[in-house]
PDB file of N, CA and C in Angstrom:
ATOM      1  N   PHE A   1     -38.818   9.176  39.205  1.00  0.00           N
ATOM      2  CA  PHE A   1     -38.953   8.401  40.269  1.00  0.00           C
ATOM      3  C   PHE A   1     -37.861   7.876  40.564  1.00  0.00           C
ATOM      4  N   THR A   2     -37.810   7.770  42.155  1.00  0.00           N
ATOM      5  CA  THR A   2     -36.851   7.249  42.372  1.00  0.00           C
ATOM      6  C   THR A   2     -37.037   5.783  42.603  1.00  0.00           C
ATOM      7  N   ASN A   3     -38.203   5.214  43.430  1.00  0.00           N
ATOM      8  CA  ASN A   3     -38.699   3.889  43.534  1.00  0.00           C
ATOM      9  C   ASN A   3     -39.726   3.605  43.185  1.00  0.00           C
ATOM     10  N   ILE A   4     -39.796   2.092  42.738  1.00  0.00           N
ATOM     11  CA  ILE A   4     -40.540   1.441  42.417  1.00  0.00           C
ATOM     12  C   ILE A   4     -41.100   0.034  43.327  1.00  0.00           C
ATOM     13  N   VAL A   5     -42.123   0.166  44.070  1.00  0.00           N
ATOM     14  CA  VAL A   5     -41.907  -1.303  45.074  1.00  0.00           C
ATOM     15  C   VAL A   5     -43.120  -2.154  44.265  1.00  0.00           C
ATOM     16  N   LEU A   6     -42.968  -3.190  44.657  1.00  0.00           N
ATOM     17  CA  LEU A   6     -43.745  -4.521  44.114  1.00  0.00           C
ATOM     18  C   LEU A   6     -43.980  -5.291  44.914  1.00  0.00           C
ATOM     19  N   ARG A   7     -45.101  -5.388  45.836  1.00  0.00           N
ATOM     20  CA  ARG A   7     -45.212  -6.442  46.903  1.00  0.00           C
ATOM     21  C   ARG A   7     -46.191  -7.631  46.371  1.00  0.00           C
ATOM     22  N   SER A   8     -46.030  -8.667  46.694  1.00  0.00           N
ATOM     23  CA  SER A   8     -47.020  -9.936  46.526  1.00  0.00           C
ATOM     24  C   SER A   8     -47.250 -10.710  47.887  1.00  0.00           C
ATOM     25  N   SER A   9     -48.874 -10.996  48.138  1.00  0.00           N
ATOM     26  CA  SER A   9     -48.874 -12.118  49.132  1.00  0.00           C
ATOM     27  C   SER A   9     -48.373 -13.441  48.839  1.00  0.00           C
ATOM     28  N   PRO A  10     -48.176 -14.692  49.645  1.00  0.00           N
ATOM     29  CA  PRO A  10     -47.546 -15.661  48.913  1.00  0.00           C
ATOM     30  C   PRO A  10     -48.464 -16.253  48.621  1.00  0.00           C
ATOM     31  N   ASN A  11     -48.437 -17.278  47.387  1.00  0.00           N
ATOM     32  CA  ASN A  11     -49.769 -17.917  47.450  1.00  0.00           C
ATOM     33  C   ASN A  11     -50.883 -16.783  46.594  1.00  0.00           C
ATOM     34  N   THR A  12     -50.415 -16.266  45.999  1.00  0.00           N
ATOM     35  CA  THR A  12     -51.447 -15.504  45.322  1.00  0.00           C
ATOM     36  C   THR A  12     -51.187 -14.796  43.990  1.00  0.00           C
ATOM     37  N   PRO A  13     -51.756 -14.817  42.932  1.00  0.00           N
ATOM     38  CA  PRO A  13     -51.330 -13.850  41.944  1.00  0.00           C
ATOM     39  C   PRO A  13     -51.470 -12.388  41.437  1.00  0.00           C
ATOM     40  N   ILE A  14     -51.913 -11.848  42.979  1.00  0.00           N
ATOM     41  CA  ILE A  14     -51.819 -10.070  43.145  1.00  0.00           C
ATOM     42  C   ILE A  14     -50.709  -9.631  43.591  1.00  0.00           C
ATOM     43  N   TRP A  15     -50.831  -8.453  43.031  1.00  0.00           N
ATOM     44  CA  TRP A  15     -49.112  -7.856  43.097  1.00  0.00           C
ATOM     45  C   TRP A  15     -49.600  -6.285  43.676  1.00  0.00           C
ATOM     46  N   GLU A  16     -49.378  -5.679  44.284  1.00  0.00           N
ATOM     47  CA  GLU A  16     -49.368  -4.597  44.830  1.00  0.00           C
ATOM     48  C   GLU A  16     -47.848  -3.731  44.326  1.00  0.00           C
ATOM     49  N   PHE A  17     -48.378  -2.180  43.256  1.00  0.00           N
ATOM     50  CA  PHE A  17     -47.506  -1.561  42.444  1.00  0.00           C
ATOM     51  C   PHE A  17     -47.336  -0.600  42.917  1.00  0.00           C
ATOM     52  N   GLU A  18     -46.223   0.096  43.623  1.00  0.00           N
ATOM     53  CA  GLU A  18     -46.245   1.680  44.134  1.00  0.00           C
ATOM     54  C   GLU A  18     -45.078   2.498  43.243  1.00  0.00           C
ATOM     55  N   LEU A  19     -45.144   3.535  43.393  1.00  0.00           N
ATOM     56  CA  LEU A  19     -44.502   4.480  42.257  1.00  0.00           C
ATOM     57  C   LEU A  19     -44.370   5.293  43.711  1.00  0.00           C
ATOM     58  N   LEU A  20     -42.593   5.772  43.921  1.00  0.00           N
ATOM     59  CA  LEU A  20     -42.400   6.793  44.841  1.00  0.00           C
ATOM     60  C   LEU A  20     -41.907   7.913  44.139  1.00  0.00           C
ATOM     61  N   ASN A  21     -41.920   9.131  44.762  1.00  0.00           N
ATOM     62  CA  ASN A  21     -40.910  10.163  44.215  1.00  0.00           C
ATOM     63  C   ASN A  21     -39.957  10.240  45.234  1.00  0.00           C
ATOM     64  N   GLN A  22     -38.975  11.261  44.407  1.00  0.00           N
ATOM     65  CA  GLN A  22     -37.865  11.421  45.546  1.00  0.00           C
ATOM     66  C   GLN A  22     -38.254  11.469  47.298  1.00  0.00           C
ATOM     67  N   SER A  23     -39.198  12.124  47.020  1.00  0.00           N
ATOM     68  CA  SER A  23     -39.225  12.264  48.717  1.00  0.00           C
ATOM     69  C   SER A  23     -40.041  11.265  49.603  1.00  0.00           C
ATOM     70  N   GLY A  24     -40.211  10.304  48.407  1.00  0.00           N
ATOM     71  CA  GLY A  24     -41.232   8.984  49.272  1.00  0.00           C
ATOM     72  C   GLY A  24     -41.848   8.911  49.101  1.00  0.00           C
ATOM     73  N   ILE A  25     -43.106  10.312  48.442  1.00  0.00           N
ATOM     74  CA  ILE A  25     -44.359  10.334  48.579  1.00  0.00           C
ATOM     75  C   ILE A  25     -44.927   9.715  47.425  1.00  0.00           C
ATOM     76  N   MET A  26     -46.039   8.826  48.091  1.00  0.00           N
ATOM     77  CA  MET A  26     -46.836   7.499  46.909  1.00  0.00           C
ATOM     78  C   MET A  26     -47.558   8.334  45.922  1.00  0.00           C
ATOM     79  N   LEU A  27     -47.130   7.794  44.674  1.00  0.00           N
ATOM     80  CA  LEU A  27     -47.524   8.661  43.360  1.00  0.00           C
ATOM     81  C   LEU A  27     -48.357   7.798  42.402  1.00  0.00           C
ATOM     82  N   SER A  28     -48.557   6.881  43.103  1.00  0.00           N
ATOM     83  CA  SER A  28     -49.480   5.451  42.241  1.00  0.00           C
ATOM     84  C   SER A  28     -49.301   4.323  42.794  1.00  0.00           C
ATOM     85  N   ASN A  29     -50.489   3.877  43.136  1.00  0.00           N
ATOM     86  CA  ASN A  29     -50.616   2.536  44.004  1.00  0.00           C
ATOM     87  C   ASN A  29     -51.617   1.381  43.133  1.00  0.00           C
ATOM     88  N   LYS A  30     -50.976   0.485  42.678  1.00  0.00           N
ATOM     89  CA  LYS A  30     -52.330  -0.114  42.290  1.00  0.00           C
ATOM     90  C   LYS A  30     -51.877  -1.931  42.173  1.00  0.00           C
ATOM     91  N   GLU A  31     -53.239  -2.817  42.617  1.00  0.00           N
ATOM     92  CA  GLU A  31     -52.905  -3.837  42.288  1.00  0.00           C
ATOM     93  C   GLU A  31     -53.027  -5.187  41.038  1.00  0.00           C
ATOM     94  N   LEU A  32     -52.070  -5.687  40.841  1.00  0.00           N
ATOM     95  CA  LEU A  32     -51.971  -5.745  39.836  1.00  0.00           C
ATOM     96  C   LEU A  32     -52.525  -7.583  39.553  1.00  0.00           C
ATOM     97  N   GLN A  33     -53.089  -7.938  38.377  1.00  0.00           N
ATOM     98  CA  GLN A  33     -53.813  -9.011  38.788  1.00  0.00           C
ATOM     99  C   GLN A  33     -53.347 -10.011  37.622  1.00  0.00           C
ATOM    100  N   LEU A  34     -52.155 -11.235  38.206  1.00  0.00           N
ATOM    101  CA  LEU A  34     -50.958 -11.899  37.070  1.00  0.00           C
ATOM    102  C   LEU A  34     -52.067 -13.146  36.862  1.00  0.00           C
ATOM    103  N   GLU A  35     -52.933 -13.241  35.498  1.00  0.00           N
ATOM    104  CA  GLU A  35     -53.551 -14.286  35.325  1.00  0.00           C
ATOM    105  C   GLU A  35     -52.874 -15.537  35.234  1.00  0.00           C
ATOM    106  N   ASP A  36     -53.432 -16.823  35.457  1.00  0.00           N
ATOM    107  CA  ASP A  36     -52.544 -17.991  35.378  1.00  0.00           C
ATOM    108  C   ASP A  36     -53.292 -18.725  33.988  1.00  0.00           C
ATOM    109  N   VAL A  37     -52.727 -18.890  32.953  1.00  0.00           N
ATOM    110  CA  VAL A  37     -53.389 -19.529  32.061  1.00  0.00           C
ATOM    111  C   VAL A  37     -53.900 -20.115  32.254  1.00  0.00           C
ATOM    112  N   GLY A  38     -53.476 -21.423  33.237  1.00  0.00           N
ATOM    113  CA  GLY A  38     -54.370 -22.438  33.157  1.00  0.00           C
ATOM    114  C   GLY A  38     -54.038 -23.697  32.302  1.00  0.00           C
ATOM    115  N   PHE A  39     -53.758 -23.719  31.224  1.00  0.00           N
ATOM    116  CA  PHE A  39     -53.177 -24.516  30.201  1.00  0.00           C
ATOM    117  C   PHE A  39     -52.206 -25.131  30.111  1.00  0.00           C
ATOM    118  N   TYR A  40     -51.383 -26.491  30.280  1.00  0.00           N
ATOM    119  CA  TYR A  40     -50.630 -26.906  29.879  1.00  0.00           C
ATOM    120  C   TYR A  40     -50.352 -28.201  28.915  1.00  0.00           C
ATOM    121  N   ILE A  41     -49.472 -28.712  28.154  1.00  0.00           N
ATOM    122  CA  ILE A  41     -49.335 -29.663  27.447  1.00  0.00           C
ATOM    123  C   ILE A  41     -47.987 -30.253  27.913  1.00  0.00           C
ATOM    124  N   TYR A  42     -48.085 -31.448  27.602  1.00  0.00           N
ATOM    125  CA  TYR A  42     -46.679 -32.576  28.415  1.00  0.00           C
ATOM    126  C   TYR A  42     -47.151 -33.851  27.873  1.00  0.00           C
ATOM    127  N   PRO A  43     -45.649 -34.532  27.670  1.00  0.00           N
ATOM    128  CA  PRO A  43     -44.359 -33.862  27.309  1.00  0.00           C
ATOM    129  C   PRO A  43     -44.779 -33.459  26.159  1.00  0.00           C
ATOM    130  N   ASN A  44     -43.438 -32.107  26.517  1.00  0.00           N
ATOM    131  CA  ASN A  44     -43.073 -31.116  24.861  1.00  0.00           C
ATOM    132  C   ASN A  44     -41.989 -31.411  24.950  1.00  0.00           C
ATOM    133  N   PRO A  45     -41.310 -31.908  23.975  1.00  0.00           N
ATOM    134  CA  PRO A  45     -42.071 -32.525  22.810  1.00  0.00           C
ATOM    135  C   PRO A  45     -41.994 -34.105  23.204  1.00  0.00           C
ATOM    136  N   THR A  46     -42.903 -34.142  22.060  1.00  0.00           N
ATOM    137  CA  THR A  46     -43.603 -35.398  22.529  1.00  0.00           C
ATOM    138  C   THR A  46     -43.610 -36.371  20.741  1.00  0.00           C
ATOM    139  N   SER A  47     -44.224 -37.964  20.496  1.00  0.00           N
ATOM    140  CA  SER A  47     -44.108 -38.632  19.276  1.00  0.00           C
ATOM    141  C   SER A  47     -45.599 -39.048  19.662  1.00  0.00           C
ATOM    142  N   GLU A  48     -46.008 -39.849  20.384  1.00  0.00           N
ATOM    143  CA  GLU A  48     -47.164 -40.413  20.364  1.00  0.00           C
ATOM    144  C   GLU A  48     -48.521 -40.287  21.079  1.00  0.00           C
ATOM    145  N   GLN A  49     -48.360 -39.206  22.309  1.00  0.00           N
ATOM    146  CA  GLN A  49     -49.426 -39.174  23.239  1.00  0.00           C
ATOM    147  C   GLN A  49     -48.828 -37.968  23.857  1.00  0.00           C
ATOM    148  N   VAL A  50     -49.953 -37.209  23.719  1.00  0.00           N
ATOM    149  CA  VAL A  50     -49.582 -35.837  25.046  1.00  0.00           C
ATOM    150  C   VAL A  50     -50.823 -35.565  25.914  1.00  0.00           C
ATOM    151  N   THR A  51     -50.455 -35.129  26.971  1.00  0.00           N
ATOM    152  CA  THR A  51     -51.264 -34.837  27.864  1.00  0.00           C
ATOM    153  C   THR A  51     -51.425 -33.185  27.646  1.00  0.00           C
ATOM    154  N   PHE A  52     -52.898 -32.735  28.198  1.00  0.00           N
ATOM    155  CA  PHE A  52     -53.697 -31.754  28.305  1.00  0.00           C
ATOM    156  C   PHE A  52     -53.846 -31.187  29.670  1.00  0.00           C
ATOM    157  N   SER A  53     -53.543 -30.145  30.569  1.00  0.00           N
ATOM    158  CA  SER A  53     -54.346 -30.007  31.570  1.00  0.00           C
ATOM    159  C   SER A  53     -54.458 -28.382  31.547  1.00  0.00           C
ATOM    160  N   ILE A  54     -56.259 -28.491  31.890  1.00  0.00           N
ATOM    161  CA  ILE A  54     -56.707 -27.122  31.289  1.00  0.00           C
ATOM    162  C   ILE A  54     -57.789 -26.785  32.567  1.00  0.00           C
ATOM    163  N   THR A  55     -57.070 -25.693  33.024  1.00  0.00           N
ATOM    164  CA  THR A  55     -57.976 -25.476  34.342  1.00  0.00           C
ATOM    165  C   THR A  55     -59.355 -24.788  33.988  1.00  0.00           C
ATOM    166  N   ALA A  56     -60.079 -24.331  34.445  1.00  0.00           N
ATOM    167  CA  ALA A  56     -61.914 -23.606  33.322  1.00  0.00           C
ATOM    168  C   ALA A  56     -62.275 -22.834  34.746  1.00  0.00           C
ATOM    169  N   ASN A  57     -62.695 -21.892  34.936  1.00  0.00           N
ATOM    170  CA  ASN A  57     -63.368 -21.460  36.149  1.00  0.00           C
ATOM    171  C   ASN A  57     -65.448 -21.814  35.952  1.00  0.00           C
ATOM    172  N   GLU A  58     -65.616 -22.619  35.213  1.00  0.00           N
ATOM    173  CA  GLU A  58     -67.153 -23.159  35.261  1.00  0.00           C
ATOM    174  C   GLU A  58     -66.600 -24.494  33.912  1.00  0.00           C
ATOM    175  N   THR A  59     -67.999 -25.218  34.299  1.00  0.00           N
ATOM    176  CA  THR A  59     -68.233 -26.532  32.850  1.00  0.00           C
ATOM    177  C   THR A  59     -68.527 -25.490  31.730  1.00  0.00           C
ATOM    178  N   GLN A  60     -67.886 -26.253  30.814  1.00  0.00           N
ATOM    179  CA  GLN A  60     -67.959 -25.893  29.592  1.00  0.00           C
ATOM    180  C   GLN A  60     -67.606 -26.797  28.396  1.00  0.00           C
ATOM    181  N   GLN A  61     -68.723 -26.652  27.358  1.00  0.00           N
ATOM    182  CA  GLN A  61     -68.017 -27.538  25.882  1.00  0.00           C
ATOM    183  C   GLN A  61     -66.583 -26.631  25.439  1.00  0.00           C
ATOM    184  N   THR A  62     -65.537 -27.240  25.061  1.00  0.00           N
ATOM    185  CA  THR A  62     -65.498 -26.217  24.172  1.00  0.00           C
ATOM    186  C   THR A  62     -64.246 -27.316  22.884  1.00  0.00           C
ATOM    187  N   GLN A  63     -63.586 -26.657  22.439  1.00  0.00           N
ATOM    188  CA  GLN A  63     -62.597 -27.199  21.091  1.00  0.00           C
ATOM    189  C   GLN A  63     -61.338 -27.336  21.129  1.00  0.00           C
ATOM    190  N   LEU A  64     -60.630 -28.359  21.124  1.00  0.00           N
ATOM    191  CA  LEU A  64     -58.851 -27.719  21.041  1.00  0.00           C
ATOM    192  C   LEU A  64     -58.612 -27.963  19.390  1.00  0.00           C
ATOM    193  N   PHE A  65     -57.971 -27.288  18.907  1.00  0.00           N
ATOM    194  CA  PHE A  65     -57.202 -27.399  17.630  1.00  0.00           C
ATOM    195  C   PHE A  65     -56.222 -26.841  17.316  1.00  0.00           C
ATOM    196  N   PHE A  66     -55.716 -28.007  16.468  1.00  0.00           N
ATOM    197  CA  PHE A  66     -54.777 -27.972  15.834  1.00  0.00           C
ATOM    198  C   PHE A  66     -53.797 -27.335  15.008  1.00  0.00           C
ATOM    199  N   TYR A  67     -52.770 -26.532  14.962  1.00  0.00           N
ATOM    200  CA  TYR A  67     -52.697 -25.818  13.688  1.00  0.00           C
ATOM    201  C   TYR A  67     -51.152 -26.451  13.482  1.00  0.00           C
ATOM    202  N   ALA A  68     -50.839 -26.304  11.654  1.00  0.00           N
ATOM    203  CA  ALA A  68     -49.772 -26.445  11.405  1.00  0.00           C
ATOM    204  C   ALA A  68     -48.694 -25.254  11.479  1.00  0.00           C
ATOM    205  N   ILE A  69     -47.861 -25.080  11.295  1.00  0.00           N
ATOM    206  CA  ILE A  69     -46.541 -23.938  11.236  1.00  0.00           C
ATOM    207  C   ILE A  69     -47.104 -22.956  10.050  1.00  0.00           C
ATOM    208  N   ASP A  70     -47.787 -23.876   9.471  1.00  0.00           N
ATOM    209  CA  ASP A  70     -48.089 -22.904   8.013  1.00  0.00           C
ATOM    210  C   ASP A  70     -49.477 -21.906   7.955  1.00  0.00           C
ATOM    211  N   GLY A  71     -50.034 -22.365   9.254  1.00  0.00           N
ATOM    212  CA  GLY A  71     -51.276 -22.042   9.912  1.00  0.00           C
ATOM    213  C   GLY A  71     -52.780 -22.464   9.573  1.00  0.00           C
ATOM    214  N   LYS A  72     -52.516 -23.974   8.935  1.00  0.00           N
ATOM    215  CA  LYS A  72     -53.806 -25.218   8.593  1.00  0.00           C
ATOM    216  C   LYS A  72     -53.917 -25.865   9.520  1.00  0.00           C
ATOM    217  N   GLN A  73     -55.622 -25.832   9.729  1.00  0.00           N
ATOM    218  CA  GLN A  73     -55.944 -26.483  10.911  1.00  0.00           C
ATOM    219  C   GLN A  73     -55.857 -28.044  10.454  1.00  0.00           C
ATOM    220  N   CYS A  74     -55.172 -28.824  11.232  1.00  0.00           N
ATOM    221  CA  CYS A  74     -54.751 -30.343  10.620  1.00  0.00           C
ATOM    222  C   CYS A  74     -55.821 -31.131  11.533  1.00  0.00           C
ATOM    223  N   ALA A  75     -56.237 -30.615  12.642  1.00  0.00           N
ATOM    224  CA  ALA A  75     -57.079 -31.629  13.446  1.00  0.00           C
ATOM    225  C   ALA A  75     -57.775 -31.139  14.433  1.00  0.00           C
ATOM    226  N   SER A  76     -58.890 -31.414  15.327  1.00  0.00           N
ATOM    227  CA  SER A  76     -59.763 -30.582  15.969  1.00  0.00           C
ATOM    228  C   SER A  76     -60.171 -31.873  17.121  1.00  0.00           C
ATOM    229  N   PHE A  77     -60.911 -31.573  18.369  1.00  0.00           N
ATOM    230  CA  PHE A  77     -61.251 -32.593  19.174  1.00  0.00           C
ATOM    231  C   PHE A  77     -61.990 -31.472  20.275  1.00  0.00           C
ATOM    232  N   ASP A  78     -63.392 -32.219  19.974  1.00  0.00           N
ATOM    233  CA  ASP A  78     -64.266 -31.573  21.416  1.00  0.00           C
ATOM    234  C   ASP A  78     -63.925 -31.922  22.475  1.00  0.00           C
ATOM    235  N   ILE A  79     -64.165 -31.403  23.568  1.00  0.00           N
ATOM    236  CA  ILE A  79     -64.006 -31.936  25.047  1.00  0.00           C
ATOM    237  C   ILE A  79     -64.821 -30.719  26.063  1.00  0.00           C
ATOM    238  N   MET A  80     -65.275 -31.302  27.206  1.00  0.00           N
ATOM    239  CA  MET A  80     -66.113 -31.438  28.078  1.00  0.00           C
ATOM    240  C   MET A  80     -65.334 -30.839  29.527  1.00  0.00           C
ATOM    241  N   LEU A  81     -65.326 -29.239  29.610  1.00  0.00           N
ATOM    242  CA  LEU A  81     -64.279 -29.577  30.935  1.00  0.00           C
ATOM    243  C   LEU A  81     -64.974 -28.878  32.086  1.00  0.00           C
ATOM    244  N   SER A  82     -64.442 -29.434  33.156  1.00  0.00           N
ATOM    245  CA  SER A  82     -65.438 -29.337  34.762  1.00  0.00           C
ATOM    246  C   SER A  82     -64.955 -27.609  35.226  1.00  0.00           C
ATOM    247  N   ASN A  83     -66.000 -27.736  36.180  1.00  0.00           N
ATOM    248  CA  ASN A  83     -65.072 -26.479  37.147  1.00  0.00           C
ATOM    249  C   ASN A  83     -63.759 -26.822  37.653  1.00  0.00           C
ATOM    250  N   GLY A  84     -62.365 -26.072  37.476  1.00  0.00           N
ATOM    251  CA  GLY A  84     -61.463 -26.494  38.235  1.00  0.00           C
ATOM    252  C   GLY A  84     -60.073 -27.220  37.175  1.00  0.00           C
ATOM    253  N   LYS A  85     -59.715 -28.225  38.315  1.00  0.00           N
ATOM    254  CA  LYS A  85     -58.354 -28.812  36.933  1.00  0.00           C
ATOM    255  C   LYS A  85     -59.102 -30.083  36.314  1.00  0.00           C
ATOM    256  N   ASN A  86     -58.482 -30.078  34.480  1.00  0.00           N
ATOM    257  CA  ASN A  86     -58.791 -31.003  33.797  1.00  0.00           C
ATOM    258  C   ASN A  86     -57.985 -31.742  33.780  1.00  0.00           C
ATOM    259  N   GLU A  87     -57.163 -32.701  33.170  1.00  0.00           N
ATOM    260  CA  GLU A  87     -56.704 -33.703  32.807  1.00  0.00           C
ATOM    261  C   GLU A  87     -56.927 -34.602  31.521  1.00  0.00           C
ATOM    262  N   PHE A  88     -56.275 -34.617  30.450  1.00  0.00           N
ATOM    263  CA  PHE A  88     -56.995 -35.428  29.247  1.00  0.00           C
ATOM    264  C   PHE A  88     -55.576 -36.196  28.289  1.00  0.00           C
ATOM    265  N   ALA A  89     -55.725 -37.432  28.106  1.00  0.00           N
ATOM    266  CA  ALA A  89     -54.444 -37.647  27.160  1.00  0.00           C
ATOM    267  C   ALA A  89     -55.070 -37.630  25.921  1.00  0.00           C
ATOM    268  N   GLN A  90     -54.277 -37.526  24.919  1.00  0.00           N
ATOM    269  CA  GLN A  90     -54.314 -37.801  23.784  1.00  0.00           C
ATOM    270  C   GLN A  90     -54.227 -37.797  22.809  1.00  0.00           C
ATOM    271  N   ASN A  91     -53.833 -39.197  21.675  1.00  0.00           N
ATOM    272  CA  ASN A  91     -53.438 -39.874  20.504  1.00  0.00           C
ATOM    273  C   ASN A  91     -52.559 -38.757  19.698  1.00  0.00           C
ATOM    274  N   ILE A  92     -51.393 -38.366  19.498  1.00  0.00           N
ATOM    275  CA  ILE A  92     -50.928 -37.700  18.131  1.00  0.00           C
ATOM    276  C   ILE A  92     -50.346 -38.495  17.070  1.00  0.00           C
ATOM    277  N   ARG A  93     -50.338 -39.766  17.221  1.00  0.00           N
ATOM    278  CA  ARG A  93     -49.416 -40.740  16.423  1.00  0.00           C
ATOM    279  C   ARG A  93     -49.699 -40.361  15.127  1.00  0.00           C
ATOM    280  N   ASN A  94     -50.855 -39.672  14.735  1.00  0.00           N
ATOM    281  CA  ASN A  94     -51.443 -39.390  12.837  1.00  0.00           C
ATOM    282  C   ASN A  94     -51.159 -37.775  12.707  1.00  0.00           C
ATOM    283  N   LEU A  95     -50.039 -37.125  13.597  1.00  0.00           N
ATOM    284  CA  LEU A  95     -49.487 -36.173  13.381  1.00  0.00           C
ATOM    285  C   LEU A  95     -48.342 -36.181  12.698  1.00  0.00           C
ATOM    286  N   GLU A  96     -47.945 -35.667  11.732  1.00  0.00           N
ATOM    287  CA  GLU A  96     -46.199 -35.570  11.433  1.00  0.00           C
ATOM    288  C   GLU A  96     -45.186 -35.079  11.947  1.00  0.00           C
ATOM    289  N   LYS A  97     -43.980 -35.469  12.141  1.00  0.00           N
ATOM    290  CA  LYS A  97     -43.053 -34.394  13.284  1.00  0.00           C
ATOM    291  C   LYS A  97     -43.229 -32.981  12.487  1.00  0.00           C
ATOM    292  N   GLY A  98     -43.046 -32.125  13.491  1.00  0.00           N
ATOM    293  CA  GLY A  98     -43.113 -30.801  13.438  1.00  0.00           C
ATOM    294  C   GLY A  98     -43.595 -29.796  14.671  1.00  0.00           C
ATOM    295  N   ILE A  99     -44.122 -28.490  14.234  1.00  0.00           N
ATOM    296  CA  ILE A  99     -44.227 -28.098  15.117  1.00  0.00           C
ATOM    297  C   ILE A  99     -46.310 -27.411  14.881  1.00  0.00           C
ATOM    298  N   TYR A 100     -46.711 -27.491  16.071  1.00  0.00           N
ATOM    299  CA  TYR A 100     -47.889 -27.353  16.198  1.00  0.00           C
ATOM    300  C   TYR A 100     -48.075 -25.892  16.828  1.00  0.00           C
ATOM    301  N   PHE A 101     -49.180 -25.220  16.944  1.00  0.00           N
ATOM    302  CA  PHE A 101     -49.732 -24.738  17.867  1.00  0.00           C
ATOM    303  C   PHE A 101     -51.714 -25.552  17.709  1.00  0.00           C
ATOM    304  N   VAL A 102     -51.416 -25.688  19.342  1.00  0.00           N
ATOM    305  CA  VAL A 102     -52.725 -25.606  19.642  1.00  0.00           C
ATOM    306  C   VAL A 102     -53.144 -24.441  20.377  1.00  0.00           C
ATOM    307  N   LYS A 103     -54.973 -24.809  20.127  1.00  0.00           N
ATOM    308  CA  LYS A 103     -55.518 -23.139  20.764  1.00  0.00           C
ATOM    309  C   LYS A 103     -57.147 -24.083  21.463  1.00  0.00           C
ATOM    310  N   ILE A 104     -57.034 -23.144  22.483  1.00  0.00           N
ATOM    311  CA  ILE A 104     -58.514 -24.143  22.817  1.00  0.00           C
ATOM    312  C   ILE A 104     -58.782 -22.307  23.496  1.00  0.00           C
ATOM    313  N   LEU A 105     -60.156 -22.709  23.601  1.00  0.00           N
ATOM    314  CA  LEU A 105     -61.186 -21.802  23.777  1.00  0.00           C
ATOM    315  C   LEU A 105     -61.968 -21.613  25.465  1.00  0.00           C
ATOM    316  N   VAL A 106     -61.085 -21.234  26.419  1.00  0.00           N
ATOM    317  CA  VAL A 106     -61.235 -21.637  27.651  1.00  0.00           C
ATOM    318  C   VAL A 106     -61.906 -20.114  28.926  1.00  0.00           C
ATOM    319  N   ASP A 107     -63.240 -20.675  29.076  1.00  0.00           N
ATOM    320  CA  ASP A 107     -63.414 -18.788  30.087  1.00  0.00           C
ATOM    321  C   ASP A 107     -63.749 -17.986  29.206  1.00  0.00           C
ATOM    322  N   ASN A 108     -63.937 -17.819  27.690  1.00  0.00           N
ATOM    323  CA  ASN A 108     -64.327 -16.417  26.940  1.00  0.00           C
ATOM    324  C   ASN A 108     -62.818 -16.084  26.249  1.00  0.00           C
ATOM    325  N   LYS A 109     -61.695 -16.747  26.785  1.00  0.00           N
ATOM    326  CA  LYS A 109     -60.416 -16.582  26.160  1.00  0.00           C
ATOM    327  C   LYS A 109     -59.563 -17.616  25.317  1.00  0.00           C
ATOM    328  N   TYR A 110     -58.958 -17.459  24.276  1.00  0.00           N
ATOM    329  CA  TYR A 110     -58.494 -18.289  23.715  1.00  0.00           C
ATOM    330  C   TYR A 110     -56.527 -18.010  23.791  1.00  0.00           C
ATOM    331  N   ILE A 111     -56.387 -19.529  24.556  1.00  0.00           N
ATOM    332  CA  ILE A 111     -55.097 -19.490  24.885  1.00  0.00           C
ATOM    333  C   ILE A 111     -54.464 -20.445  23.821  1.00  0.00           C
ATOM    334  N   THR A 112     -53.197 -20.036  23.200  1.00  0.00           N
ATOM    335  CA  THR A 112     -52.394 -20.933  22.542  1.00  0.00           C
ATOM    336  C   THR A 112     -51.200 -21.280  23.114  1.00  0.00           C
ATOM    337  N   LYS A 113     -50.566 -22.772  22.593  1.00  0.00           N
ATOM    338  CA  LYS A 113     -49.462 -23.407  22.744  1.00  0.00           C
ATOM    339  C   LYS A 113     -49.014 -23.875  21.493  1.00  0.00           C
ATOM    340  N   LYS A 114     -47.217 -23.920  21.925  1.00  0.00           N
ATOM    341  CA  LYS A 114     -46.627 -24.308  20.987  1.00  0.00           C
ATOM    342  C   LYS A 114     -46.428 -25.694  21.454  1.00  0.00           C
ATOM    343  N   LEU A 115     -46.851 -26.705  20.688  1.00  0.00           N
ATOM    344  CA  LEU A 115     -45.980 -28.477  21.001  1.00  0.00           C
ATOM    345  C   LEU A 115     -45.410 -29.257  19.284  1.00  0.00           C
ATOM    346  N   ILE A 116     -44.190 -29.421  19.815  1.00  0.00           N
ATOM    347  CA  ILE A 116     -43.629 -30.285  19.334  1.00  0.00           C
ATOM    348  C   ILE A 116     -43.281 -31.704  18.848  1.00  0.00           C
ATOM    349  N   VAL A 117     -43.689 -31.889  17.755  1.00  0.00           N
ATOM    350  CA  VAL A 117     -44.024 -33.495  17.434  1.00  0.00           C
ATOM    351  C   VAL A 117     -42.837 -34.305  16.986  1.00  0.00           C
ATOM    352  N   ASN A 118     -41.878 -35.456  17.354  1.00  0.00           N
ATOM    353  CA  ASN A 118     -40.768 -35.616  17.308  1.00  0.00           C
ATOM    354  C   ASN A 118     -40.605 -36.939  16.852  1.00  0.00           C
TER     355      ASN A 118
END
């Protein structure tokens, strides 16, 4: 192969991927969908309160789980997500300083992010 071509349209997570041989003949053409995980934590690091921004494709009841660095679950919260962007703040003063992993099930996919409590 001599050329690999990537193209995308503005404001879309879809990329076109082409493999061309030495003569410029297309050998493969695929569209790649880059998923937006839609789960953000800020501020990070934090010490008293954290805000979660979660994008869901449908209204759903779920839970947010906090795991310490040793893998032990140390907190969980029930949440109701609406279709679209959801934001909510959570008091974390009861968590000790350290590194935590925050896990949520959204649209039948588990997403895990790191949170630093200082």
